[in-house]
PDB file of all heavy atoms in Angstrom:
ATOM      1  N   GLY A   1       4.943  -4.853 -46.359  1.00  0.00           N
ATOM      2  CA  GLY A   1       5.033  -6.185 -46.933  1.00  0.00           C
ATOM      3  C   GLY A   1       5.111  -6.188 -48.452  1.00  0.00           C
ATOM      4  O   GLY A   1       4.620  -7.146 -49.121  1.00  0.00           O
ATOM      5  N   GLY A   2       5.710  -5.155 -48.983  1.00  0.00           N
ATOM      6  CA  GLY A   2       5.820  -5.082 -50.461  1.00  0.00           C
ATOM      7  C   GLY A   2       4.548  -4.751 -51.194  1.00  0.00           C
ATOM      8  O   GLY A   2       4.397  -5.031 -52.371  1.00  0.00           O
ATOM      9  N   GLU A   3       3.621  -4.079 -50.509  1.00  0.00           N
ATOM     10  CA  GLU A   3       2.352  -3.676 -51.068  1.00  0.00           C
ATOM     11  C   GLU A   3       2.059  -2.206 -50.755  1.00  0.00           C
ATOM     12  O   GLU A   3       2.429  -1.743 -49.696  1.00  0.00           O
ATOM     13  CB  GLU A   3       1.222  -4.530 -50.617  1.00  0.00           C
ATOM     14  CG  GLU A   3       1.294  -5.985 -51.099  1.00  0.00           C
ATOM     15  CD  GLU A   3       0.147  -6.813 -50.581  1.00  0.00           C
ATOM     16  OE1 GLU A   3      -0.441  -6.488 -49.522  1.00  0.00           O
ATOM     17  OE2 GLU A   3      -0.228  -7.782 -51.327  1.00  0.00           O
ATOM     18  N   LEU A   4       1.325  -1.595 -51.637  1.00  0.00           N
ATOM     19  CA  LEU A   4       0.795  -0.213 -51.345  1.00  0.00           C
ATOM     20  C   LEU A   4      -0.639  -0.366 -50.894  1.00  0.00           C
ATOM     21  O   LEU A   4      -1.434  -1.055 -51.506  1.00  0.00           O
ATOM     22  CB  LEU A   4       0.816   0.620 -52.591  1.00  0.00           C
ATOM     23  CG  LEU A   4       0.082   1.978 -52.575  1.00  0.00           C
ATOM     24  CD1 LEU A   4       0.800   2.913 -51.594  1.00  0.00           C
ATOM     25  CD2 LEU A   4      -0.002   2.579 -53.948  1.00  0.00           C
ATOM     26  N   GLN A   5      -0.997   0.242 -49.758  1.00  0.00           N
ATOM     27  CA  GLN A   5      -2.306   0.142 -49.214  1.00  0.00           C
ATOM     28  C   GLN A   5      -2.873   1.506 -48.768  1.00  0.00           C
ATOM     29  O   GLN A   5      -2.105   2.338 -48.313  1.00  0.00           O
ATOM     30  CB  GLN A   5      -2.361  -0.836 -48.004  1.00  0.00           C
ATOM     31  CG  GLN A   5      -1.910  -2.218 -48.311  1.00  0.00           C
ATOM     32  CD  GLN A   5      -1.987  -3.122 -47.083  1.00  0.00           C
ATOM     33  OE1 GLN A   5      -2.868  -2.956 -46.245  1.00  0.00           O
ATOM     34  NE2 GLN A   5      -1.027  -4.027 -46.958  1.00  0.00           N
ATOM     35  N   PRO A   6      -4.151   1.735 -49.015  1.00  0.00           N
ATOM     36  CA  PRO A   6      -4.774   2.959 -48.468  1.00  0.00           C
ATOM     37  C   PRO A   6      -5.106   2.706 -47.006  1.00  0.00           C
ATOM     38  O   PRO A   6      -5.630   1.698 -46.644  1.00  0.00           O
ATOM     39  CB  PRO A   6      -6.036   3.096 -49.305  1.00  0.00           C
ATOM     40  CG  PRO A   6      -6.359   1.714 -49.733  1.00  0.00           C
ATOM     41  CD  PRO A   6      -5.087   0.981 -49.862  1.00  0.00           C
ATOM     42  N   ASP A   7      -4.735   3.689 -46.172  1.00  0.00           N
ATOM     43  CA  ASP A   7      -4.978   3.534 -44.714  1.00  0.00           C
ATOM     44  C   ASP A   7      -6.040   4.541 -44.328  1.00  0.00           C
ATOM     45  O   ASP A   7      -5.747   5.647 -43.868  1.00  0.00           O
ATOM     46  CB  ASP A   7      -3.688   3.804 -43.978  1.00  0.00           C
ATOM     47  CG  ASP A   7      -3.815   3.642 -42.488  1.00  0.00           C
ATOM     48  OD1 ASP A   7      -4.846   3.014 -42.065  1.00  0.00           O
ATOM     49  OD2 ASP A   7      -2.961   4.121 -41.744  1.00  0.00           O
ATOM     50  N   THR A   8      -7.283   4.200 -44.557  1.00  0.00           N
ATOM     51  CA  THR A   8      -8.383   5.149 -44.336  1.00  0.00           C
ATOM     52  C   THR A   8      -9.412   4.465 -43.411  1.00  0.00           C
ATOM     53  O   THR A   8     -10.576   4.237 -43.818  1.00  0.00           O
ATOM     54  CB  THR A   8      -9.036   5.526 -45.643  1.00  0.00           C
ATOM     55  OG1 THR A   8      -9.398   4.336 -46.346  1.00  0.00           O
ATOM     56  CG2 THR A   8      -8.070   6.332 -46.484  1.00  0.00           C
ATOM     57  N   VAL A   9      -8.995   4.098 -42.220  1.00  0.00           N
ATOM     58  CA  VAL A   9      -9.858   3.370 -41.304  1.00  0.00           C
ATOM     59  C   VAL A   9     -11.169   4.111 -41.004  1.00  0.00           C
ATOM     60  O   VAL A   9     -12.218   3.507 -40.925  1.00  0.00           O
ATOM     61  CB  VAL A   9      -9.128   3.083 -39.976  1.00  0.00           C
ATOM     62  CG1 VAL A   9     -10.031   2.407 -38.957  1.00  0.00           C
ATOM     63  CG2 VAL A   9      -7.873   2.266 -40.220  1.00  0.00           C
ATOM     64  N   SER A  10     -11.086   5.438 -40.954  1.00  0.00           N
ATOM     65  CA  SER A  10     -12.280   6.212 -40.621  1.00  0.00           C
ATOM     66  C   SER A  10     -12.794   6.997 -41.869  1.00  0.00           C
ATOM     67  O   SER A  10     -13.362   8.047 -41.712  1.00  0.00           O
ATOM     68  CB  SER A  10     -12.003   7.158 -39.503  1.00  0.00           C
ATOM     69  OG  SER A  10     -10.923   8.024 -39.853  1.00  0.00           O
ATOM     70  N   ALA A  11     -12.510   6.435 -43.047  1.00  0.00           N
ATOM     71  CA  ALA A  11     -12.845   7.140 -44.260  1.00  0.00           C
ATOM     72  C   ALA A  11     -14.347   7.313 -44.440  1.00  0.00           C
ATOM     73  O   ALA A  11     -15.098   6.369 -44.194  1.00  0.00           O
ATOM     74  CB  ALA A  11     -12.337   6.465 -45.505  1.00  0.00           C
ATOM     75  N   PRO A  12     -14.836   8.494 -44.716  1.00  0.00           N
ATOM     76  CA  PRO A  12     -16.256   8.695 -44.959  1.00  0.00           C
ATOM     77  C   PRO A  12     -16.631   8.170 -46.331  1.00  0.00           C
ATOM     78  O   PRO A  12     -15.812   7.811 -47.135  1.00  0.00           O
ATOM     79  CB  PRO A  12     -16.433  10.213 -44.889  1.00  0.00           C
ATOM     80  CG  PRO A  12     -15.095  10.745 -45.334  1.00  0.00           C
ATOM     81  CD  PRO A  12     -14.094   9.752 -44.829  1.00  0.00           C
ATOM     82  N   VAL A  13     -17.955   8.137 -46.576  1.00  0.00           N
ATOM     83  CA  VAL A  13     -18.467   7.714 -47.892  1.00  0.00           C
ATOM     84  C   VAL A  13     -17.863   8.609 -48.999  1.00  0.00           C
ATOM     85  O   VAL A  13     -17.754   9.828 -48.772  1.00  0.00           O
ATOM     86  CB  VAL A  13     -19.953   7.743 -47.908  1.00  0.00           C
ATOM     87  CG1 VAL A  13     -20.543   7.418 -49.307  1.00  0.00           C
ATOM     88  CG2 VAL A  13     -20.560   6.737 -46.914  1.00  0.00           C
ATOM     89  N   ASN A  14     -17.511   7.982 -50.130  1.00  0.00           N
ATOM     90  CA  ASN A  14     -16.988   8.695 -51.294  1.00  0.00           C
ATOM     91  C   ASN A  14     -15.606   9.265 -51.110  1.00  0.00           C
ATOM     92  O   ASN A  14     -15.160  10.081 -51.884  1.00  0.00           O
ATOM     93  CB  ASN A  14     -17.909   9.826 -51.736  1.00  0.00           C
ATOM     94  CG  ASN A  14     -19.263   9.284 -52.227  1.00  0.00           C
ATOM     95  OD1 ASN A  14     -19.319   8.196 -52.817  1.00  0.00           O
ATOM     96  ND2 ASN A  14     -20.299  10.022 -52.040  1.00  0.00           N
ATOM     97  N   ASP A  15     -14.878   8.788 -50.043  1.00  0.00           N
ATOM     98  CA  ASP A  15     -13.501   9.206 -49.897  1.00  0.00           C
ATOM     99  C   ASP A  15     -12.672   8.536 -50.956  1.00  0.00           C
ATOM    100  O   ASP A  15     -12.758   7.328 -51.191  1.00  0.00           O
ATOM    101  CB  ASP A  15     -13.052   8.821 -48.486  1.00  0.00           C
ATOM    102  CG  ASP A  15     -11.868   9.698 -48.008  1.00  0.00           C
ATOM    103  OD1 ASP A  15     -11.661  10.721 -48.638  1.00  0.00           O
ATOM    104  OD2 ASP A  15     -11.256   9.286 -47.004  1.00  0.00           O
ATOM    105  N   TYR A  16     -11.773   9.326 -51.579  1.00  0.00           N
ATOM    106  CA  TYR A  16     -11.053   8.852 -52.762  1.00  0.00           C
ATOM    107  C   TYR A  16      -9.638   9.377 -52.759  1.00  0.00           C
ATOM    108  O   TYR A  16      -9.332  10.485 -52.327  1.00  0.00           O
ATOM    109  CB  TYR A  16     -11.781   9.354 -54.012  1.00  0.00           C
ATOM    110  CG  TYR A  16     -11.042   9.090 -55.311  1.00  0.00           C
ATOM    111  CD1 TYR A  16     -11.166   7.898 -55.977  1.00  0.00           C
ATOM    112  CD2 TYR A  16     -10.189  10.049 -55.807  1.00  0.00           C
ATOM    113  CE1 TYR A  16     -10.474   7.654 -57.150  1.00  0.00           C
ATOM    114  CE2 TYR A  16      -9.453   9.850 -56.974  1.00  0.00           C
ATOM    115  CZ  TYR A  16      -9.651   8.628 -57.637  1.00  0.00           C
ATOM    116  OH  TYR A  16      -8.904   8.393 -58.799  1.00  0.00           O
ATOM    117  N   GLY A  17      -8.715   8.605 -53.264  1.00  0.00           N
ATOM    118  CA  GLY A  17      -7.336   9.022 -53.424  1.00  0.00           C
ATOM    119  C   GLY A  17      -6.577   8.233 -54.481  1.00  0.00           C
ATOM    120  O   GLY A  17      -6.949   7.074 -54.724  1.00  0.00           O
ATOM    121  N   ALA A  18      -5.564   8.817 -55.109  1.00  0.00           N
ATOM    122  CA  ALA A  18      -4.814   8.097 -56.124  1.00  0.00           C
ATOM    123  C   ALA A  18      -3.376   8.603 -56.122  1.00  0.00           C
ATOM    124  O   ALA A  18      -3.128   9.739 -55.850  1.00  0.00           O
ATOM    125  CB  ALA A  18      -5.456   8.303 -57.486  1.00  0.00           C
ATOM    126  N   TRP A  19      -2.474   7.668 -56.475  1.00  0.00           N
ATOM    127  CA  TRP A  19      -1.064   8.047 -56.734  1.00  0.00           C
ATOM    128  C   TRP A  19      -0.794   7.791 -58.196  1.00  0.00           C
ATOM    129  O   TRP A  19      -1.082   6.738 -58.707  1.00  0.00           O
ATOM    130  CB  TRP A  19      -0.087   7.173 -55.899  1.00  0.00           C
ATOM    131  CG  TRP A  19      -0.098   7.534 -54.424  1.00  0.00           C
ATOM    132  CD1 TRP A  19      -0.775   6.892 -53.402  1.00  0.00           C
ATOM    133  CD2 TRP A  19       0.589   8.622 -53.825  1.00  0.00           C
ATOM    134  NE1 TRP A  19      -0.525   7.458 -52.241  1.00  0.00           N
ATOM    135  CE2 TRP A  19       0.319   8.535 -52.439  1.00  0.00           C
ATOM    136  CE3 TRP A  19       1.440   9.594 -54.318  1.00  0.00           C
ATOM    137  CZ2 TRP A  19       0.855   9.423 -51.504  1.00  0.00           C
ATOM    138  CZ3 TRP A  19       1.974  10.502 -53.391  1.00  0.00           C
ATOM    139  CH2 TRP A  19       1.684  10.420 -52.023  1.00  0.00           C
ATOM    140  N   VAL A  20      -0.313   8.826 -58.871  1.00  0.00           N
ATOM    141  CA  VAL A  20      -0.082   8.730 -60.326  1.00  0.00           C
ATOM    142  C   VAL A  20       1.431   8.786 -60.665  1.00  0.00           C
ATOM    143  O   VAL A  20       2.097   9.724 -60.261  1.00  0.00           O
ATOM    144  CB  VAL A  20      -0.848   9.856 -61.069  1.00  0.00           C
ATOM    145  CG1 VAL A  20      -0.617   9.758 -62.587  1.00  0.00           C
ATOM    146  CG2 VAL A  20      -2.359   9.710 -60.815  1.00  0.00           C
ATOM    147  N   TRP A  21       1.894   7.842 -61.430  1.00  0.00           N
ATOM    148  CA  TRP A  21       3.301   7.793 -61.826  1.00  0.00           C
ATOM    149  C   TRP A  21       3.575   8.923 -62.782  1.00  0.00           C
ATOM    150  O   TRP A  21       2.882   9.072 -63.776  1.00  0.00           O
ATOM    151  CB  TRP A  21       3.603   6.403 -62.481  1.00  0.00           C
ATOM    152  CG  TRP A  21       5.074   6.207 -62.742  1.00  0.00           C
ATOM    153  CD1 TRP A  21       5.728   6.490 -63.943  1.00  0.00           C
ATOM    154  CD2 TRP A  21       6.041   5.710 -61.885  1.00  0.00           C
ATOM    155  NE1 TRP A  21       7.049   6.212 -63.827  1.00  0.00           N
ATOM    156  CE2 TRP A  21       7.282   5.706 -62.576  1.00  0.00           C
ATOM    157  CE3 TRP A  21       6.040   5.251 -60.567  1.00  0.00           C
ATOM    158  CZ2 TRP A  21       8.463   5.225 -62.004  1.00  0.00           C
ATOM    159  CZ3 TRP A  21       7.231   4.781 -59.982  1.00  0.00           C
ATOM    160  CH2 TRP A  21       8.407   4.773 -60.689  1.00  0.00           C
ATOM    161  N   THR A  22       4.635   9.699 -62.519  1.00  0.00           N
ATOM    162  CA  THR A  22       4.800  10.930 -63.288  1.00  0.00           C
ATOM    163  C   THR A  22       5.742  10.814 -64.476  1.00  0.00           C
ATOM    164  O   THR A  22       5.739  11.651 -65.361  1.00  0.00           O
ATOM    165  CB  THR A  22       5.334  12.049 -62.339  1.00  0.00           C
ATOM    166  OG1 THR A  22       6.554  11.643 -61.747  1.00  0.00           O
ATOM    167  CG2 THR A  22       4.301  12.347 -61.241  1.00  0.00           C
ATOM    168  N   ALA A  23       6.630   9.797 -64.449  1.00  0.00           N
ATOM    169  CA  ALA A  23       7.687   9.763 -65.477  1.00  0.00           C
ATOM    170  C   ALA A  23       7.247   9.155 -66.809  1.00  0.00           C
ATOM    171  O   ALA A  23       7.804   9.488 -67.868  1.00  0.00           O
ATOM    172  CB  ALA A  23       8.902   9.033 -64.946  1.00  0.00           C
ATOM    173  N   ASN A  24       6.304   8.247 -66.829  1.00  0.00           N
ATOM    174  CA  ASN A  24       5.880   7.538 -68.000  1.00  0.00           C
ATOM    175  C   ASN A  24       4.374   7.831 -68.253  1.00  0.00           C
ATOM    176  O   ASN A  24       3.627   7.921 -67.293  1.00  0.00           O
ATOM    177  CB  ASN A  24       6.143   6.043 -67.884  1.00  0.00           C
ATOM    178  CG  ASN A  24       7.598   5.732 -67.567  1.00  0.00           C
ATOM    179  OD1 ASN A  24       7.967   5.612 -66.398  1.00  0.00           O
ATOM    180  ND2 ASN A  24       8.407   5.562 -68.612  1.00  0.00           N
ATOM    181  N   SER A  25       3.970   7.744 -69.485  1.00  0.00           N
ATOM    182  CA  SER A  25       2.561   7.994 -69.856  1.00  0.00           C
ATOM    183  C   SER A  25       2.208   7.128 -71.046  1.00  0.00           C
ATOM    184  O   SER A  25       3.028   6.651 -71.805  1.00  0.00           O
ATOM    185  CB  SER A  25       2.325   9.460 -70.073  1.00  0.00           C
ATOM    186  OG  SER A  25       3.092   9.907 -71.196  1.00  0.00           O
ATOM    187  N   LEU A  26       0.927   7.002 -71.273  1.00  0.00           N
ATOM    188  CA  LEU A  26       0.347   6.390 -72.504  1.00  0.00           C
ATOM    189  C   LEU A  26       0.365   7.425 -73.614  1.00  0.00           C
ATOM    190  O   LEU A  26      -0.300   8.460 -73.469  1.00  0.00           O
ATOM    191  CB  LEU A  26      -1.092   5.901 -72.275  1.00  0.00           C
ATOM    192  CG  LEU A  26      -1.258   4.847 -71.122  1.00  0.00           C
ATOM    193  CD1 LEU A  26      -2.737   4.560 -70.975  1.00  0.00           C
ATOM    194  CD2 LEU A  26      -0.496   3.553 -71.408  1.00  0.00           C
ATOM    195  N   GLN A  27       1.117   7.186 -74.707  1.00  0.00           N
ATOM    196  CA  GLN A  27       1.197   8.146 -75.748  1.00  0.00           C
ATOM    197  C   GLN A  27       0.954   7.483 -77.114  1.00  0.00           C
ATOM    198  O   GLN A  27       0.412   8.147 -78.005  1.00  0.00           O
ATOM    199  CB  GLN A  27       2.486   8.893 -75.760  1.00  0.00           C
ATOM    200  CG  GLN A  27       2.754   9.693 -74.492  1.00  0.00           C
ATOM    201  CD  GLN A  27       3.917  10.676 -74.621  1.00  0.00           C
ATOM    202  OE1 GLN A  27       3.938  11.498 -75.575  1.00  0.00           O
ATOM    203  NE2 GLN A  27       4.906  10.539 -73.769  1.00  0.00           N
ATOM    204  N   ASN A  28       1.479   6.299 -77.288  1.00  0.00           N
ATOM    205  CA  ASN A  28       1.413   5.622 -78.625  1.00  0.00           C
ATOM    206  C   ASN A  28       0.656   4.346 -78.552  1.00  0.00           C
ATOM    207  O   ASN A  28       0.532   3.711 -77.498  1.00  0.00           O
ATOM    208  CB  ASN A  28       2.851   5.380 -79.117  1.00  0.00           C
ATOM    209  CG  ASN A  28       3.702   6.646 -79.155  1.00  0.00           C
ATOM    210  OD1 ASN A  28       3.308   7.599 -79.847  1.00  0.00           O
ATOM    211  ND2 ASN A  28       4.819   6.627 -78.461  1.00  0.00           N
ATOM    212  N   ALA A  29       0.089   3.941 -79.695  1.00  0.00           N
ATOM    213  CA  ALA A  29      -0.615   2.688 -79.765  1.00  0.00           C
ATOM    214  C   ALA A  29       0.232   1.543 -79.280  1.00  0.00           C
ATOM    215  O   ALA A  29       1.358   1.365 -79.712  1.00  0.00           O
ATOM    216  CB  ALA A  29      -1.074   2.417 -81.219  1.00  0.00           C
ATOM    217  N   GLY A  30      -0.317   0.762 -78.358  1.00  0.00           N
ATOM    218  CA  GLY A  30       0.448  -0.371 -77.813  1.00  0.00           C
ATOM    219  C   GLY A  30       0.987  -0.088 -76.435  1.00  0.00           C
ATOM    220  O   GLY A  30       1.339  -1.028 -75.699  1.00  0.00           O
ATOM    221  N   ASP A  31       1.140   1.163 -76.012  1.00  0.00           N
ATOM    222  CA  ASP A  31       1.585   1.481 -74.666  1.00  0.00           C
ATOM    223  C   ASP A  31       0.603   0.980 -73.658  1.00  0.00           C
ATOM    224  O   ASP A  31      -0.624   1.094 -73.862  1.00  0.00           O
ATOM    225  CB  ASP A  31       1.765   3.003 -74.461  1.00  0.00           C
ATOM    226  CG  ASP A  31       2.916   3.576 -75.303  1.00  0.00           C
ATOM    227  OD1 ASP A  31       3.623   2.798 -75.954  1.00  0.00           O
ATOM    228  OD2 ASP A  31       3.058   4.789 -75.338  1.00  0.00           O
ATOM    229  N   TRP A  32       1.110   0.445 -72.530  1.00  0.00           N
ATOM    230  CA  TRP A  32       0.156   0.013 -71.459  1.00  0.00           C
ATOM    231  C   TRP A  32       0.738   0.140 -70.069  1.00  0.00           C
ATOM    232  O   TRP A  32       1.955   0.160 -69.874  1.00  0.00           O
ATOM    233  CB  TRP A  32      -0.376  -1.411 -71.709  1.00  0.00           C
ATOM    234  CG  TRP A  32       0.676  -2.523 -71.863  1.00  0.00           C
ATOM    235  CD1 TRP A  32       1.074  -3.105 -72.994  1.00  0.00           C
ATOM    236  CD2 TRP A  32       1.318  -3.232 -70.778  1.00  0.00           C
ATOM    237  NE1 TRP A  32       1.990  -4.104 -72.732  1.00  0.00           N
ATOM    238  CE2 TRP A  32       2.158  -4.204 -71.367  1.00  0.00           C
ATOM    239  CE3 TRP A  32       1.343  -3.147 -69.405  1.00  0.00           C
ATOM    240  CZ2 TRP A  32       2.969  -5.075 -70.664  1.00  0.00           C
ATOM    241  CZ3 TRP A  32       2.134  -4.001 -68.672  1.00  0.00           C
ATOM    242  CH2 TRP A  32       2.947  -4.956 -69.253  1.00  0.00           C
ATOM    243  N   PHE A  33      -0.158   0.254 -69.101  1.00  0.00           N
ATOM    244  CA  PHE A  33       0.150   0.134 -67.657  1.00  0.00           C
ATOM    245  C   PHE A  33      -0.607  -1.060 -67.109  1.00  0.00           C
ATOM    246  O   PHE A  33      -1.686  -1.370 -67.601  1.00  0.00           O
ATOM    247  CB  PHE A  33      -0.264   1.379 -66.910  1.00  0.00           C
ATOM    248  CG  PHE A  33       0.667   2.521 -66.928  1.00  0.00           C
ATOM    249  CD1 PHE A  33       0.581   3.480 -67.953  1.00  0.00           C
ATOM    250  CD2 PHE A  33       1.642   2.724 -65.926  1.00  0.00           C
ATOM    251  CE1 PHE A  33       1.461   4.546 -67.987  1.00  0.00           C
ATOM    252  CE2 PHE A  33       2.473   3.826 -65.957  1.00  0.00           C
ATOM    253  CZ  PHE A  33       2.414   4.751 -66.988  1.00  0.00           C
ATOM    254  N   SER A  34      -0.040  -1.682 -66.045  1.00  0.00           N
ATOM    255  CA  SER A  34      -0.812  -2.734 -65.372  1.00  0.00           C
ATOM    256  C   SER A  34      -0.434  -2.642 -63.869  1.00  0.00           C
ATOM    257  O   SER A  34       0.621  -2.132 -63.518  1.00  0.00           O
ATOM    258  CB  SER A  34      -0.518  -4.138 -65.923  1.00  0.00           C
ATOM    259  OG  SER A  34       0.789  -4.526 -65.579  1.00  0.00           O
ATOM    260  N   VAL A  35      -1.315  -3.214 -63.047  1.00  0.00           N
ATOM    261  CA  VAL A  35      -1.038  -3.293 -61.633  1.00  0.00           C
ATOM    262  C   VAL A  35      -1.777  -4.531 -61.087  1.00  0.00           C
ATOM    263  O   VAL A  35      -2.829  -4.877 -61.580  1.00  0.00           O
ATOM    264  CB  VAL A  35      -1.462  -2.033 -60.893  1.00  0.00           C
ATOM    265  CG1 VAL A  35      -2.972  -1.925 -60.739  1.00  0.00           C
ATOM    266  CG2 VAL A  35      -0.774  -1.909 -59.517  1.00  0.00           C
ATOM    267  N   ASP A  36      -1.169  -5.166 -60.036  1.00  0.00           N
ATOM    268  CA  ASP A  36      -1.833  -6.269 -59.346  1.00  0.00           C
ATOM    269  C   ASP A  36      -2.619  -5.666 -58.211  1.00  0.00           C
ATOM    270  O   ASP A  36      -2.095  -4.833 -57.415  1.00  0.00           O
ATOM    271  CB  ASP A  36      -0.805  -7.249 -58.827  1.00  0.00           C
ATOM    272  CG  ASP A  36       0.008  -7.935 -59.939  1.00  0.00           C
ATOM    273  OD1 ASP A  36      -0.507  -8.011 -61.067  1.00  0.00           O
ATOM    274  OD2 ASP A  36       1.132  -8.361 -59.721  1.00  0.00           O
TER     275      ASP A  36
END
């Protein structure tokens, strides 16, 4: 439905994951990332 969701129905406590965008990064003053 146009969204990214973690599918961890049986996730134990402290289960963690992340997807990191590889092409762009914060390098200079004023650079920013945002997400809904």
